[in-house]
Amino acid sequence: MKIESIENEIIEEFEIFGDDWEARYEYLIDLGKSLPLIAQSEKSDNLLIKGCQSKLWLKSSFDGNLVNFFADSDAIITKGIAALMIRVLNNQSPSEILSANLDFINSIGLKEHLSPTRANGLVSLIKQMKLDALAYKSQIVN
């Protein structure tokens, strides 16, 4: 599924809750429960996202065509945010990840309803996901 289609699905899902941010946070927490996790033995400091108030580990892999992401966090909201980003960018090509606008974040009001440190963590997470995609793109032989 294309990134834009996934973003539109997420926007529609969040519209169900209207302006009820308590319900939206509960939904984020539920999303975090479905996150493809990183094994405890792989949670090393080099996988930690810098700039995040809680611990957030991000791991990626590349099969030559598509990028896969895995994450875990010690905070339930952060885990939900990671799950949301993985849902959008997982199983996409490096080029698609790099060109993604991720406008859905503003459309659902997420950034404005996060604490400044969580918003910084979101930006850092996106930056790392795009850096991973850039590294994988350089591996593609034309």
C-alpha atoms as a PDB file:
ATOM      1  CA  MET A   1       0.000   0.000   0.000  1.00  0.00           C
ATOM      2  CA  LYS A   2       1.276   3.478  -0.852  1.00  0.00           C
ATOM      3  CA  ILE A   3       2.325   5.844   1.940  1.00  0.00           C
ATOM      4  CA  GLU A   4      -0.314   8.424   1.023  1.00  0.00           C
ATOM      5  CA  SER A   5      -3.080   5.803   1.226  1.00  0.00           C
ATOM      6  CA  ILE A   6      -1.899   4.700   4.660  1.00  0.00           C
ATOM      7  CA  GLU A   7      -1.782   8.332   5.812  1.00  0.00           C
ATOM      8  CA  ASN A   8      -5.365   8.847   4.606  1.00  0.00           C
ATOM      9  CA  GLU A   9      -6.505   5.746   6.510  1.00  0.00           C
ATOM     10  CA  ILE A  10      -4.913   7.096   9.687  1.00  0.00           C
ATOM     11  CA  ILE A  11      -6.533  10.513   9.220  1.00  0.00           C
ATOM     12  CA  GLU A  12      -9.949   8.833   8.858  1.00  0.00           C
ATOM     13  CA  GLU A  13      -9.327   6.687  11.955  1.00  0.00           C
ATOM     14  CA  PHE A  14      -8.419   9.710  14.071  1.00  0.00           C
ATOM     15  CA  GLU A  15     -11.428  11.694  12.794  1.00  0.00           C
ATOM     16  CA  ILE A  16     -13.662   9.127  14.509  1.00  0.00           C
ATOM     17  CA  PHE A  17     -12.505  10.514  17.873  1.00  0.00           C
ATOM     18  CA  GLY A  18     -13.243  14.150  17.001  1.00  0.00           C
ATOM     19  CA  ASP A  19     -11.446  16.467  19.424  1.00  0.00           C
ATOM     20  CA  ASP A  20     -11.366  13.882  22.226  1.00  0.00           C
ATOM     21  CA  TRP A  21      -7.621  13.687  22.811  1.00  0.00           C
ATOM     22  CA  GLU A  22      -7.986  11.267  25.677  1.00  0.00           C
ATOM     23  CA  ALA A  23      -9.564   8.797  23.218  1.00  0.00           C
ATOM     24  CA  ARG A  24      -6.873   9.576  20.644  1.00  0.00           C
ATOM     25  CA  TYR A  25      -4.134   8.841  23.196  1.00  0.00           C
ATOM     26  CA  GLU A  26      -5.878   5.567  24.097  1.00  0.00           C
ATOM     27  CA  TYR A  27      -5.883   4.680  20.409  1.00  0.00           C
ATOM     28  CA  LEU A  28      -2.147   5.461  20.196  1.00  0.00           C
ATOM     29  CA  ILE A  29      -1.528   3.215  23.200  1.00  0.00           C
ATOM     30  CA  ASP A  30      -3.474   0.415  21.495  1.00  0.00           C
ATOM     31  CA  LEU A  31      -1.424   0.881  18.327  1.00  0.00           C
ATOM     32  CA  GLY A  32       1.735   0.516  20.396  1.00  0.00           C
ATOM     33  CA  LYS A  33       0.616  -2.938  21.507  1.00  0.00           C
ATOM     34  CA  SER A  34       0.852  -4.161  17.889  1.00  0.00           C
ATOM     35  CA  LEU A  35       4.345  -2.793  17.334  1.00  0.00           C
ATOM     36  CA  PRO A  36       6.902  -5.178  15.797  1.00  0.00           C
ATOM     37  CA  LEU A  37       9.291  -5.231  18.761  1.00  0.00           C
ATOM     38  CA  ILE A  38      13.035  -5.389  19.056  1.00  0.00           C
ATOM     39  CA  ALA A  39      14.398  -8.330  21.017  1.00  0.00           C
ATOM     40  CA  GLN A  40      15.622  -7.357  24.482  1.00  0.00           C
ATOM     41  CA  SER A  41      19.116  -8.598  23.587  1.00  0.00           C
ATOM     42  CA  GLU A  42      19.247  -6.161  20.637  1.00  0.00           C
ATOM     43  CA  LYS A  43      18.317  -3.017  22.594  1.00  0.00           C
ATOM     44  CA  SER A  44      21.691  -1.358  22.403  1.00  0.00           C
ATOM     45  CA  ASP A  45      22.564   2.308  22.817  1.00  0.00           C
ATOM     46  CA  ASN A  46      23.303   2.674  19.107  1.00  0.00           C
ATOM     47  CA  LEU A  47      19.607   1.952  18.375  1.00  0.00           C
ATOM     48  CA  LEU A  48      18.335   4.604  20.819  1.00  0.00           C
ATOM     49  CA  ILE A  49      16.680   7.641  19.278  1.00  0.00           C
ATOM     50  CA  LYS A  50      18.430  10.745  20.553  1.00  0.00           C
ATOM     51  CA  GLY A  51      16.265  13.659  21.661  1.00  0.00           C
ATOM     52  CA  CYS A  52      13.423  11.531  22.960  1.00  0.00           C
ATOM     53  CA  GLN A  53      12.421  11.978  26.627  1.00  0.00           C
ATOM     54  CA  SER A  54      11.812   8.253  27.019  1.00  0.00           C
ATOM     55  CA  LYS A  55      13.869   5.387  25.704  1.00  0.00           C
ATOM     56  CA  LEU A  56      12.973   4.567  22.120  1.00  0.00           C
ATOM     57  CA  TRP A  57      14.883   1.976  20.139  1.00  0.00           C
ATOM     58  CA  LEU A  58      14.578   1.782  16.350  1.00  0.00           C
ATOM     59  CA  LYS A  59      15.978  -0.974  14.201  1.00  0.00           C
ATOM     60  CA  SER A  60      15.646  -1.356  10.454  1.00  0.00           C
ATOM     61  CA  SER A  61      16.409  -3.972   7.861  1.00  0.00           C
ATOM     62  CA  PHE A  62      16.515  -3.966   4.070  1.00  0.00           C
ATOM     63  CA  ASP A  63      15.847  -6.830   1.682  1.00  0.00           C
ATOM     64  CA  GLY A  64      17.198  -5.033  -1.386  1.00  0.00           C
ATOM     65  CA  ASN A  65      13.793  -3.535  -2.227  1.00  0.00           C
ATOM     66  CA  LEU A  66      11.861  -2.644   0.914  1.00  0.00           C
ATOM     67  CA  VAL A  67      12.760  -1.276   4.338  1.00  0.00           C
ATOM     68  CA  ASN A  68      11.341  -2.840   7.502  1.00  0.00           C
ATOM     69  CA  PHE A  69      11.308  -1.099  10.860  1.00  0.00           C
ATOM     70  CA  PHE A  70      11.089  -2.463  14.395  1.00  0.00           C
ATOM     71  CA  ALA A  71      10.879  -0.425  17.578  1.00  0.00           C
ATOM     72  CA  ASP A  72      10.283  -0.526  21.296  1.00  0.00           C
ATOM     73  CA  SER A  73       9.954   2.037  24.033  1.00  0.00           C
ATOM     74  CA  ASP A  74       9.692   2.161  27.785  1.00  0.00           C
ATOM     75  CA  ALA A  75       6.773   4.635  27.463  1.00  0.00           C
ATOM     76  CA  ILE A  76       3.355   3.616  26.162  1.00  0.00           C
ATOM     77  CA  ILE A  77       2.578   6.850  24.260  1.00  0.00           C
ATOM     78  CA  THR A  78       6.022   6.814  22.642  1.00  0.00           C
ATOM     79  CA  LYS A  79       5.512   3.190  21.660  1.00  0.00           C
ATOM     80  CA  GLY A  80       2.207   4.202  20.017  1.00  0.00           C
ATOM     81  CA  ILE A  81       3.844   7.059  18.123  1.00  0.00           C
ATOM     82  CA  ALA A  82       6.528   4.660  16.885  1.00  0.00           C
ATOM     83  CA  ALA A  83       3.832   2.179  15.821  1.00  0.00           C
ATOM     84  CA  LEU A  84       2.089   4.925  13.861  1.00  0.00           C
ATOM     85  CA  MET A  85       5.280   5.896  12.035  1.00  0.00           C
ATOM     86  CA  ILE A  86       6.168   2.273  11.330  1.00  0.00           C
ATOM     87  CA  ARG A  87       2.691   1.664   9.965  1.00  0.00           C
ATOM     88  CA  VAL A  88       3.250   4.458   7.449  1.00  0.00           C
ATOM     89  CA  LEU A  89       6.871   3.799   6.463  1.00  0.00           C
ATOM     90  CA  ASN A  90       7.265   0.030   6.892  1.00  0.00           C
ATOM     91  CA  ASN A  91       7.561  -2.147   3.767  1.00  0.00           C
ATOM     92  CA  GLN A  92       8.263   0.851   1.558  1.00  0.00           C
ATOM     93  CA  SER A  93      11.184   1.490  -0.764  1.00  0.00           C
ATOM     94  CA  PRO A  94      13.943   3.830   0.392  1.00  0.00           C
ATOM     95  CA  SER A  95      12.912   6.373  -2.270  1.00  0.00           C
ATOM     96  CA  GLU A  96       9.279   6.332  -1.134  1.00  0.00           C
ATOM     97  CA  ILE A  97      10.345   6.837   2.491  1.00  0.00           C
ATOM     98  CA  LEU A  98      12.639   9.716   1.579  1.00  0.00           C
ATOM     99  CA  SER A  99       9.963  11.490  -0.469  1.00  0.00           C
ATOM    100  CA  ALA A 100       7.176  11.025   2.106  1.00  0.00           C
ATOM    101  CA  ASN A 101       5.767  14.350   3.335  1.00  0.00           C
ATOM    102  CA  LEU A 102       4.089  12.801   6.379  1.00  0.00           C
ATOM    103  CA  ASP A 103       1.421  15.515   6.321  1.00  0.00           C
ATOM    104  CA  PHE A 104      -0.904  13.240   8.289  1.00  0.00           C
ATOM    105  CA  ILE A 105       0.963  14.195  11.488  1.00  0.00           C
ATOM    106  CA  ASN A 106      -0.363  17.759  11.256  1.00  0.00           C
ATOM    107  CA  SER A 107      -3.722  16.620   9.864  1.00  0.00           C
ATOM    108  CA  ILE A 108      -4.462  14.531  12.961  1.00  0.00           C
ATOM    109  CA  GLY A 109      -3.088  17.255  15.272  1.00  0.00           C
ATOM    110  CA  LEU A 110      -0.500  14.955  16.784  1.00  0.00           C
ATOM    111  CA  LYS A 111       2.460  17.305  16.956  1.00  0.00           C
ATOM    112  CA  GLU A 112       0.483  20.113  18.591  1.00  0.00           C
ATOM    113  CA  HIS A 113      -0.861  17.754  21.282  1.00  0.00           C
ATOM    114  CA  LEU A 114       2.511  16.319  22.279  1.00  0.00           C
ATOM    115  CA  SER A 115       4.742  17.741  24.973  1.00  0.00           C
ATOM    116  CA  PRO A 116       7.762  19.585  23.533  1.00  0.00           C
ATOM    117  CA  THR A 117      10.074  16.693  24.423  1.00  0.00           C
ATOM    118  CA  ARG A 118       7.764  14.115  22.795  1.00  0.00           C
ATOM    119  CA  ALA A 119       7.453  16.333  19.705  1.00  0.00           C
ATOM    120  CA  ASN A 120      11.257  16.477  19.547  1.00  0.00           C
ATOM    121  CA  GLY A 121      11.331  12.697  19.865  1.00  0.00           C
ATOM    122  CA  LEU A 122       8.884  12.372  16.958  1.00  0.00           C
ATOM    123  CA  VAL A 123      11.085  14.593  14.789  1.00  0.00           C
ATOM    124  CA  SER A 124      14.156  12.573  15.796  1.00  0.00           C
ATOM    125  CA  LEU A 125      12.370   9.300  15.017  1.00  0.00           C
ATOM    126  CA  ILE A 126      11.358  10.504  11.545  1.00  0.00           C
ATOM    127  CA  LYS A 127      14.874  11.785  10.919  1.00  0.00           C
ATOM    128  CA  GLN A 128      16.386   8.405  11.834  1.00  0.00           C
ATOM    129  CA  MET A 129      13.903   6.490   9.693  1.00  0.00           C
ATOM    130  CA  LYS A 130      14.771   8.696   6.719  1.00  0.00           C
ATOM    131  CA  LEU A 131      18.514   8.377   7.429  1.00  0.00           C
ATOM    132  CA  ASP A 132      18.158   4.588   7.427  1.00  0.00           C
ATOM    133  CA  ALA A 133      16.277   4.782   4.119  1.00  0.00           C
ATOM    134  CA  LEU A 134      19.005   6.996   2.662  1.00  0.00           C
ATOM    135  CA  ALA A 135      21.673   4.501   3.719  1.00  0.00           C
ATOM    136  CA  TYR A 136      19.713   1.643   2.135  1.00  0.00           C
ATOM    137  CA  LYS A 137      19.112   3.659  -1.048  1.00  0.00           C
ATOM    138  CA  SER A 138      22.876   3.942  -1.500  1.00  0.00           C
ATOM    139  CA  GLN A 139      23.055   0.115  -1.501  1.00  0.00           C
ATOM    140  CA  ILE A 140      20.710  -0.256  -4.478  1.00  0.00           C
ATOM    141  CA  VAL A 141      22.514  -1.175  -7.648  1.00  0.00           C
ATOM    142  CA  ASN A 142      20.971   0.455 -10.691  1.00  0.00           C
END
